[in-house]
Amino acid sequence: MSDTWIMKGLAWDNPLRIRSAEELTDWIESIGFLPFFANDVPGFSAEEHVSADFWWTGDKAQDPWEWREVIAAAHRVAYGKFFDGRAGFIAPDWLPRFANARRGGYDFDGKWQSGAASRREKAIMEFFVDVESDDEPVFTDAAMLSTELKQRAGFGRGGEKNYPGILTGLQMQLYLVISGFRRRENKRGAAYGMPVSVLSTPERIWGYDVLSAAYEEAPAASWDHIFEHIRARFPAPDADIIRLIGRRPTE
């Protein structure tokens, strides 16, 4: 059995091949939202519409892995682990329905005060929002390296466990997004190592009014819009779509 990871994609000379980060962003905006990697819904990914030849080459002009850094930092669309715990993109027009469906109508402060949020989620989110706010949520200007956040929130050796899992869950609920990438700096201020994700709230980038715009709609109705939008454009068995976007919220 081979451990080789074979990427899907279009031929180099295929006129439909996406050729740049800008073209990919344009397509995401036209579709509304898009997983980064191939999944059980055929055609519904960035991977299947780019060349398979340049992944992880470091070629900023051709490598889709490099494009994700450009797209995340540009803020034309949101980037994060939004689909079955894996990376993807959501255009601002669709953020309200994703937030409503995934959050179940709760801003994070409300989720915490209701007892629905975990202590480990709070340890992360209190750097980004006033979890004790009794009125409209109060967001900080925080944009924090994931490595720094891990340390400051008390995860790691001798501390809290499952930082990657908690962080993925917060992105799946649209409480956090990856707003860019930066390299770490040593004590002399010199950058080193590979780029690290920067975490922010989507409210910090697009505004609370955008993220809360669908709150008056039932979360299940928001989920229905997302589900039908995929099924109409990328026909697949219902179970495969549900696996990708999560189960329908209860009424």
C-alpha atoms as a PDB file:
ATOM      1  CA  MET A   1       0.000   0.000   0.000  1.00  0.00           C
ATOM      2  CA  SER A   2       1.471   3.358  -1.016  1.00  0.00           C
ATOM      3  CA  ASP A   3       1.608   6.340   1.359  1.00  0.00           C
ATOM      4  CA  THR A   4       1.921   8.743  -1.554  1.00  0.00           C
ATOM      5  CA  TRP A   5      -0.603  11.576  -1.463  1.00  0.00           C
ATOM      6  CA  ILE A   6      -1.775  12.113  -5.015  1.00  0.00           C
ATOM      7  CA  MET A   7      -3.284  15.534  -5.603  1.00  0.00           C
ATOM      8  CA  LYS A   8      -6.193  15.969  -7.976  1.00  0.00           C
ATOM      9  CA  GLY A   9      -6.318  18.792 -10.484  1.00  0.00           C
ATOM     10  CA  LEU A  10      -6.625  19.925 -14.081  1.00  0.00           C
ATOM     11  CA  ALA A  11      -4.093  19.541 -16.873  1.00  0.00           C
ATOM     12  CA  TRP A  12      -1.664  22.420 -17.282  1.00  0.00           C
ATOM     13  CA  ASP A  13      -3.105  23.348 -20.678  1.00  0.00           C
ATOM     14  CA  ASN A  14      -6.747  23.057 -19.611  1.00  0.00           C
ATOM     15  CA  PRO A  15      -8.341  26.469 -20.281  1.00  0.00           C
ATOM     16  CA  LEU A  16     -10.513  26.061 -17.173  1.00  0.00           C
ATOM     17  CA  ARG A  17      -7.515  25.695 -14.851  1.00  0.00           C
ATOM     18  CA  ILE A  18      -7.260  28.352 -12.146  1.00  0.00           C
ATOM     19  CA  ARG A  19      -3.918  30.069 -12.582  1.00  0.00           C
ATOM     20  CA  SER A  20      -3.463  32.492  -9.685  1.00  0.00           C
ATOM     21  CA  ALA A  21      -4.564  33.418  -6.179  1.00  0.00           C
ATOM     22  CA  GLU A  22      -6.640  36.227  -7.659  1.00  0.00           C
ATOM     23  CA  GLU A  23      -8.458  33.876 -10.049  1.00  0.00           C
ATOM     24  CA  LEU A  24      -9.147  31.497  -7.172  1.00  0.00           C
ATOM     25  CA  THR A  25     -10.529  34.337  -5.034  1.00  0.00           C
ATOM     26  CA  ASP A  26     -12.752  35.463  -7.919  1.00  0.00           C
ATOM     27  CA  TRP A  27     -14.147  31.936  -8.219  1.00  0.00           C
ATOM     28  CA  ILE A  28     -14.737  31.632  -4.464  1.00  0.00           C
ATOM     29  CA  GLU A  29     -16.657  34.905  -4.523  1.00  0.00           C
ATOM     30  CA  SER A  30     -18.777  33.711  -7.449  1.00  0.00           C
ATOM     31  CA  ILE A  31     -19.585  30.365  -5.774  1.00  0.00           C
ATOM     32  CA  GLY A  32     -19.865  31.715  -2.243  1.00  0.00           C
ATOM     33  CA  PHE A  33     -17.758  29.174  -0.356  1.00  0.00           C
ATOM     34  CA  LEU A  34     -15.321  26.413  -1.251  1.00  0.00           C
ATOM     35  CA  PRO A  35     -13.274  23.716   0.511  1.00  0.00           C
ATOM     36  CA  PHE A  36      -9.545  23.880  -0.176  1.00  0.00           C
ATOM     37  CA  PHE A  37      -8.973  20.142  -0.664  1.00  0.00           C
ATOM     38  CA  ALA A  38     -10.886  17.495  -2.595  1.00  0.00           C
ATOM     39  CA  ASN A  39     -13.626  15.731  -0.665  1.00  0.00           C
ATOM     40  CA  ASP A  40     -16.620  13.434  -1.221  1.00  0.00           C
ATOM     41  CA  VAL A  41     -18.495  16.098  -3.221  1.00  0.00           C
ATOM     42  CA  PRO A  42     -16.988  15.923  -6.739  1.00  0.00           C
ATOM     43  CA  GLY A  43     -15.705  19.213  -8.107  1.00  0.00           C
ATOM     44  CA  PHE A  44     -16.347  21.121  -4.907  1.00  0.00           C
ATOM     45  CA  SER A  45     -12.784  22.110  -3.993  1.00  0.00           C
ATOM     46  CA  ALA A  46      -9.945  24.370  -5.036  1.00  0.00           C
ATOM     47  CA  GLU A  47      -7.674  21.340  -5.436  1.00  0.00           C
ATOM     48  CA  GLU A  48      -9.670  19.926  -8.337  1.00  0.00           C
ATOM     49  CA  HIS A  49      -9.454  23.146 -10.353  1.00  0.00           C
ATOM     50  CA  VAL A  50      -5.746  23.971 -10.129  1.00  0.00           C
ATOM     51  CA  SER A  51      -2.665  22.184 -11.452  1.00  0.00           C
ATOM     52  CA  ALA A  52      -1.465  19.256  -9.355  1.00  0.00           C
ATOM     53  CA  ASP A  53       2.156  19.919 -10.350  1.00  0.00           C
ATOM     54  CA  PHE A  54       3.170  22.779  -8.060  1.00  0.00           C
ATOM     55  CA  TRP A  55       1.818  21.941  -4.599  1.00  0.00           C
ATOM     56  CA  TRP A  56       4.350  22.616  -1.802  1.00  0.00           C
ATOM     57  CA  THR A  57       7.031  23.826  -4.219  1.00  0.00           C
ATOM     58  CA  GLY A  58       7.255  27.300  -2.667  1.00  0.00           C
ATOM     59  CA  ASP A  59       6.621  28.889  -6.071  1.00  0.00           C
ATOM     60  CA  LYS A  60       4.415  31.830  -5.055  1.00  0.00           C
ATOM     61  CA  ALA A  61       3.136  32.288  -8.617  1.00  0.00           C
ATOM     62  CA  GLN A  62       2.005  28.671  -9.080  1.00  0.00           C
ATOM     63  CA  ASP A  63       1.747  26.911  -5.713  1.00  0.00           C
ATOM     64  CA  PRO A  64      -1.828  26.799  -4.283  1.00  0.00           C
ATOM     65  CA  TRP A  65      -0.365  26.264  -0.800  1.00  0.00           C
ATOM     66  CA  GLU A  66       1.308  29.663  -1.138  1.00  0.00           C
ATOM     67  CA  TRP A  67      -1.892  31.159  -2.558  1.00  0.00           C
ATOM     68  CA  ARG A  68      -3.753  30.412   0.664  1.00  0.00           C
ATOM     69  CA  GLU A  69      -1.433  32.808   2.502  1.00  0.00           C
ATOM     70  CA  VAL A  70      -2.132  35.555  -0.036  1.00  0.00           C
ATOM     71  CA  ILE A  71      -5.890  34.956   0.084  1.00  0.00           C
ATOM     72  CA  ALA A  72      -6.059  34.807   3.892  1.00  0.00           C
ATOM     73  CA  ALA A  73      -4.205  38.119   4.222  1.00  0.00           C
ATOM     74  CA  ALA A  74      -6.247  39.932   1.534  1.00  0.00           C
ATOM     75  CA  HIS A  75      -9.533  39.467   3.482  1.00  0.00           C
ATOM     76  CA  ARG A  76     -11.696  39.380   0.358  1.00  0.00           C
ATOM     77  CA  VAL A  77     -12.886  35.997   1.637  1.00  0.00           C
ATOM     78  CA  ALA A  78     -12.515  34.210   4.968  1.00  0.00           C
ATOM     79  CA  TYR A  79     -10.032  31.361   5.324  1.00  0.00           C
ATOM     80  CA  GLY A  80     -10.003  28.693   8.023  1.00  0.00           C
ATOM     81  CA  LYS A  81     -11.007  25.159   8.917  1.00  0.00           C
ATOM     82  CA  PHE A  82     -14.640  25.410   7.945  1.00  0.00           C
ATOM     83  CA  PHE A  83     -15.461  22.091   6.239  1.00  0.00           C
ATOM     84  CA  ASP A  84     -15.343  18.834   8.201  1.00  0.00           C
ATOM     85  CA  GLY A  85     -12.449  20.272  10.184  1.00  0.00           C
ATOM     86  CA  ARG A  86     -10.435  21.010   7.057  1.00  0.00           C
ATOM     87  CA  ALA A  87      -9.427  24.221   5.316  1.00  0.00           C
ATOM     88  CA  GLY A  88     -11.717  26.238   3.096  1.00  0.00           C
ATOM     89  CA  PHE A  89     -12.955  29.665   2.109  1.00  0.00           C
ATOM     90  CA  ILE A  90     -16.185  31.596   2.672  1.00  0.00           C
ATOM     91  CA  ALA A  91     -17.127  34.829   0.892  1.00  0.00           C
ATOM     92  CA  PRO A  92     -18.450  37.622   3.165  1.00  0.00           C
ATOM     93  CA  ASP A  93     -21.958  37.315   1.682  1.00  0.00           C
ATOM     94  CA  TRP A  94     -22.187  33.798   3.131  1.00  0.00           C
ATOM     95  CA  LEU A  95     -20.563  34.442   6.506  1.00  0.00           C
ATOM     96  CA  PRO A  96     -23.886  35.370   8.189  1.00  0.00           C
ATOM     97  CA  ARG A  97     -25.548  32.057   7.341  1.00  0.00           C
ATOM     98  CA  PHE A  98     -22.507  29.987   8.251  1.00  0.00           C
ATOM     99  CA  ALA A  99     -22.185  31.827  11.557  1.00  0.00           C
ATOM    100  CA  ASN A 100     -25.874  31.400  12.341  1.00  0.00           C
ATOM    101  CA  ALA A 101     -25.980  27.712  11.408  1.00  0.00           C
ATOM    102  CA  ARG A 102     -22.748  26.808  13.187  1.00  0.00           C
ATOM    103  CA  ARG A 103     -23.172  28.956  16.322  1.00  0.00           C
ATOM    104  CA  GLY A 104     -26.790  28.075  16.905  1.00  0.00           C
ATOM    105  CA  GLY A 105     -27.616  31.743  17.417  1.00  0.00           C
ATOM    106  CA  TYR A 106     -24.959  32.349  20.075  1.00  0.00           C
ATOM    107  CA  ASP A 107     -22.163  34.900  20.039  1.00  0.00           C
ATOM    108  CA  PHE A 108     -19.307  33.450  22.059  1.00  0.00           C
ATOM    109  CA  ASP A 109     -20.006  35.514  25.176  1.00  0.00           C
ATOM    110  CA  GLY A 110     -23.599  34.245  25.119  1.00  0.00           C
ATOM    111  CA  LYS A 111     -22.445  30.681  24.592  1.00  0.00           C
ATOM    112  CA  TRP A 112     -20.122  30.923  27.582  1.00  0.00           C
ATOM    113  CA  GLN A 113     -22.701  32.530  29.858  1.00  0.00           C
ATOM    114  CA  SER A 114     -25.279  29.890  28.897  1.00  0.00           C
ATOM    115  CA  GLY A 115     -22.898  27.103  29.898  1.00  0.00           C
ATOM    116  CA  ALA A 116     -22.594  25.745  26.362  1.00  0.00           C
ATOM    117  CA  ALA A 117     -18.901  26.667  25.863  1.00  0.00           C
ATOM    118  CA  SER A 118     -16.059  24.703  27.383  1.00  0.00           C
ATOM    119  CA  ARG A 119     -13.413  26.087  29.716  1.00  0.00           C
ATOM    120  CA  ARG A 120     -10.729  25.419  27.081  1.00  0.00           C
ATOM    121  CA  GLU A 121     -12.710  27.333  24.445  1.00  0.00           C
ATOM    122  CA  LYS A 122     -12.994  30.249  26.871  1.00  0.00           C
ATOM    123  CA  ALA A 123      -9.239  30.147  27.561  1.00  0.00           C
ATOM    124  CA  ILE A 124      -8.679  30.904  23.861  1.00  0.00           C
ATOM    125  CA  MET A 125     -11.598  33.205  23.104  1.00  0.00           C
ATOM    126  CA  GLU A 126     -11.092  35.555  26.050  1.00  0.00           C
ATOM    127  CA  PHE A 127      -8.153  37.038  24.120  1.00  0.00           C
ATOM    128  CA  PHE A 128     -10.549  38.043  21.347  1.00  0.00           C
ATOM    129  CA  VAL A 129     -13.856  38.930  23.013  1.00  0.00           C
ATOM    130  CA  ASP A 130     -15.145  40.038  26.415  1.00  0.00           C
ATOM    131  CA  VAL A 131     -16.767  36.791  27.493  1.00  0.00           C
ATOM    132  CA  GLU A 132     -18.567  38.489  30.392  1.00  0.00           C
ATOM    133  CA  SER A 133     -20.249  41.178  28.259  1.00  0.00           C
ATOM    134  CA  ASP A 134     -23.956  41.501  29.007  1.00  0.00           C
ATOM    135  CA  ASP A 135     -24.718  43.634  25.961  1.00  0.00           C
ATOM    136  CA  GLU A 136     -23.546  43.503  22.347  1.00  0.00           C
ATOM    137  CA  PRO A 137     -20.252  41.553  22.240  1.00  0.00           C
ATOM    138  CA  VAL A 138     -17.081  43.555  22.794  1.00  0.00           C
ATOM    139  CA  PHE A 139     -14.296  42.412  20.471  1.00  0.00           C
ATOM    140  CA  THR A 140     -10.611  43.124  20.958  1.00  0.00           C
ATOM    141  CA  ASP A 141      -8.216  44.098  18.173  1.00  0.00           C
ATOM    142  CA  ALA A 142      -6.311  40.876  18.718  1.00  0.00           C
ATOM    143  CA  ALA A 143      -4.643  39.180  15.782  1.00  0.00           C
ATOM    144  CA  MET A 144      -2.417  36.559  17.318  1.00  0.00           C
ATOM    145  CA  LEU A 145       0.043  33.953  16.070  1.00  0.00           C
ATOM    146  CA  SER A 146      -1.360  30.504  16.782  1.00  0.00           C
ATOM    147  CA  THR A 147       1.889  29.545  18.530  1.00  0.00           C
ATOM    148  CA  GLU A 148       1.686  32.585  20.820  1.00  0.00           C
ATOM    149  CA  LEU A 149      -1.995  31.976  21.508  1.00  0.00           C
ATOM    150  CA  LYS A 150      -1.277  28.377  22.488  1.00  0.00           C
ATOM    151  CA  GLN A 151       1.233  29.487  25.094  1.00  0.00           C
ATOM    152  CA  ARG A 152      -0.763  32.413  26.475  1.00  0.00           C
ATOM    153  CA  ALA A 153      -3.976  30.375  26.721  1.00  0.00           C
ATOM    154  CA  GLY A 154      -2.227  27.770  28.860  1.00  0.00           C
ATOM    155  CA  PHE A 155      -2.015  24.848  26.433  1.00  0.00           C
ATOM    156  CA  GLY A 156       0.955  22.571  25.897  1.00  0.00           C
ATOM    157  CA  ARG A 157       3.303  20.735  28.211  1.00  0.00           C
ATOM    158  CA  GLY A 158       1.904  20.647  31.732  1.00  0.00           C
ATOM    159  CA  GLY A 159      -1.164  22.646  30.690  1.00  0.00           C
ATOM    160  CA  GLU A 160      -4.411  22.208  28.801  1.00  0.00           C
ATOM    161  CA  LYS A 161      -4.659  19.508  26.132  1.00  0.00           C
ATOM    162  CA  ASN A 162      -5.963  19.264  22.553  1.00  0.00           C
ATOM    163  CA  TYR A 163      -5.138  22.785  21.391  1.00  0.00           C
ATOM    164  CA  PRO A 164      -5.450  21.859  17.658  1.00  0.00           C
ATOM    165  CA  GLY A 165      -8.852  20.280  18.209  1.00  0.00           C
ATOM    166  CA  ILE A 166     -10.248  23.188  20.229  1.00  0.00           C
ATOM    167  CA  LEU A 167      -8.895  25.689  17.698  1.00  0.00           C
ATOM    168  CA  THR A 168     -10.457  23.754  14.811  1.00  0.00           C
ATOM    169  CA  GLY A 169     -13.790  23.658  16.627  1.00  0.00           C
ATOM    170  CA  LEU A 170     -13.752  27.429  17.113  1.00  0.00           C
ATOM    171  CA  GLN A 171     -13.087  27.912  13.406  1.00  0.00           C
ATOM    172  CA  MET A 172     -15.861  25.477  12.476  1.00  0.00           C
ATOM    173  CA  GLN A 173     -18.203  27.651  14.560  1.00  0.00           C
ATOM    174  CA  LEU A 174     -16.911  30.800  12.823  1.00  0.00           C
ATOM    175  CA  TYR A 175     -15.713  32.278  16.117  1.00  0.00           C
ATOM    176  CA  LEU A 176     -12.182  32.456  14.707  1.00  0.00           C
ATOM    177  CA  VAL A 177     -10.654  32.660  11.227  1.00  0.00           C
ATOM    178  CA  ILE A 178      -7.099  32.547   9.915  1.00  0.00           C
ATOM    179  CA  SER A 179      -6.492  36.170   8.985  1.00  0.00           C
ATOM    180  CA  GLY A 180      -2.970  35.752   7.626  1.00  0.00           C
ATOM    181  CA  PHE A 181       0.397  34.097   8.144  1.00  0.00           C
ATOM    182  CA  ARG A 182       3.605  35.379   9.754  1.00  0.00           C
ATOM    183  CA  ARG A 183       6.969  33.946  10.642  1.00  0.00           C
ATOM    184  CA  ARG A 184       7.965  33.911  14.294  1.00  0.00           C
ATOM    185  CA  GLU A 185      10.631  36.300  15.554  1.00  0.00           C
ATOM    186  CA  ASN A 186      13.540  35.656  17.894  1.00  0.00           C
ATOM    187  CA  LYS A 187      14.609  37.962  20.729  1.00  0.00           C
ATOM    188  CA  ARG A 188      16.537  40.124  18.261  1.00  0.00           C
ATOM    189  CA  GLY A 189      13.438  40.603  16.106  1.00  0.00           C
ATOM    190  CA  ALA A 190      14.721  38.418  13.262  1.00  0.00           C
ATOM    191  CA  ALA A 191      12.136  36.221  11.522  1.00  0.00           C
ATOM    192  CA  TYR A 192      12.722  32.474  11.468  1.00  0.00           C
ATOM    193  CA  GLY A 193      11.003  29.225  10.520  1.00  0.00           C
ATOM    194  CA  MET A 194       7.931  28.573   8.439  1.00  0.00           C
ATOM    195  CA  PRO A 195       4.987  31.003   8.348  1.00  0.00           C
ATOM    196  CA  VAL A 196       2.524  30.466  11.191  1.00  0.00           C
ATOM    197  CA  SER A 197      -1.206  31.151  11.051  1.00  0.00           C
ATOM    198  CA  VAL A 198      -2.573  34.349  12.585  1.00  0.00           C
ATOM    199  CA  LEU A 199      -5.948  34.027  14.336  1.00  0.00           C
ATOM    200  CA  SER A 200      -8.613  36.741  14.508  1.00  0.00           C
ATOM    201  CA  THR A 201     -12.360  36.974  14.899  1.00  0.00           C
ATOM    202  CA  PRO A 202     -14.298  37.445  11.656  1.00  0.00           C
ATOM    203  CA  GLU A 203     -16.074  40.340  13.406  1.00  0.00           C
ATOM    204  CA  ARG A 204     -12.748  42.170  13.671  1.00  0.00           C
ATOM    205  CA  ILE A 205     -12.324  41.978   9.889  1.00  0.00           C
ATOM    206  CA  TRP A 206     -15.851  42.209   8.456  1.00  0.00           C
ATOM    207  CA  GLY A 207     -17.790  43.717  11.352  1.00  0.00           C
ATOM    208  CA  TYR A 208     -20.368  42.476  13.829  1.00  0.00           C
ATOM    209  CA  ASP A 209     -23.274  43.607  11.654  1.00  0.00           C
ATOM    210  CA  VAL A 210     -22.127  41.254   8.875  1.00  0.00           C
ATOM    211  CA  LEU A 211     -21.637  38.213  11.098  1.00  0.00           C
ATOM    212  CA  SER A 212     -24.938  38.685  12.926  1.00  0.00           C
ATOM    213  CA  ALA A 213     -27.028  39.545   9.851  1.00  0.00           C
ATOM    214  CA  ALA A 214     -28.774  36.153   9.780  1.00  0.00           C
ATOM    215  CA  TYR A 215     -29.363  35.806  13.520  1.00  0.00           C
ATOM    216  CA  GLU A 216     -33.098  36.426  13.129  1.00  0.00           C
ATOM    217  CA  GLU A 217     -33.282  33.360  10.886  1.00  0.00           C
ATOM    218  CA  ALA A 218     -33.528  29.921  12.460  1.00  0.00           C
ATOM    219  CA  PRO A 219     -30.113  28.185  12.425  1.00  0.00           C
ATOM    220  CA  ALA A 220     -31.726  25.228  10.632  1.00  0.00           C
ATOM    221  CA  ALA A 221     -32.958  27.572   7.881  1.00  0.00           C
ATOM    222  CA  SER A 222     -29.439  28.965   7.425  1.00  0.00           C
ATOM    223  CA  TRP A 223     -28.116  25.413   7.182  1.00  0.00           C
ATOM    224  CA  ASP A 224     -30.780  24.604   4.562  1.00  0.00           C
ATOM    225  CA  HIS A 225     -29.571  27.492   2.380  1.00  0.00           C
ATOM    226  CA  ILE A 226     -25.977  26.223   2.579  1.00  0.00           C
ATOM    227  CA  PHE A 227     -26.982  22.633   1.861  1.00  0.00           C
ATOM    228  CA  GLU A 228     -29.206  23.484  -1.110  1.00  0.00           C
ATOM    229  CA  HIS A 229     -26.589  25.861  -2.529  1.00  0.00           C
ATOM    230  CA  ILE A 230     -24.075  23.008  -2.717  1.00  0.00           C
ATOM    231  CA  ARG A 231     -26.541  20.407  -3.967  1.00  0.00           C
ATOM    232  CA  ALA A 232     -27.701  22.672  -6.802  1.00  0.00           C
ATOM    233  CA  ARG A 233     -24.155  23.274  -8.089  1.00  0.00           C
ATOM    234  CA  PHE A 234     -22.278  20.108  -7.167  1.00  0.00           C
ATOM    235  CA  PRO A 235     -24.741  17.195  -7.121  1.00  0.00           C
ATOM    236  CA  ALA A 236     -23.760  14.504  -4.622  1.00  0.00           C
ATOM    237  CA  PRO A 237     -25.470  12.149  -2.161  1.00  0.00           C
ATOM    238  CA  ASP A 238     -26.975  14.068   0.741  1.00  0.00           C
ATOM    239  CA  ALA A 239     -24.817  12.152   3.237  1.00  0.00           C
ATOM    240  CA  ASP A 240     -21.622  13.333   1.555  1.00  0.00           C
ATOM    241  CA  ILE A 241     -22.704  16.977   1.669  1.00  0.00           C
ATOM    242  CA  ILE A 242     -23.750  16.644   5.314  1.00  0.00           C
ATOM    243  CA  ARG A 243     -20.411  15.078   6.215  1.00  0.00           C
ATOM    244  CA  LEU A 244     -18.720  18.140   4.758  1.00  0.00           C
ATOM    245  CA  ILE A 245     -20.846  20.899   6.342  1.00  0.00           C
ATOM    246  CA  GLY A 246     -22.039  19.171   9.492  1.00  0.00           C
ATOM    247  CA  ARG A 247     -25.463  17.997  10.607  1.00  0.00           C
ATOM    248  CA  ARG A 248     -28.524  20.197  10.364  1.00  0.00           C
ATOM    249  CA  PRO A 249     -29.156  22.081  13.611  1.00  0.00           C
ATOM    250  CA  THR A 250     -32.206  20.971  15.539  1.00  0.00           C
ATOM    251  CA  GLU A 251     -35.227  23.227  15.249  1.00  0.00           C
END
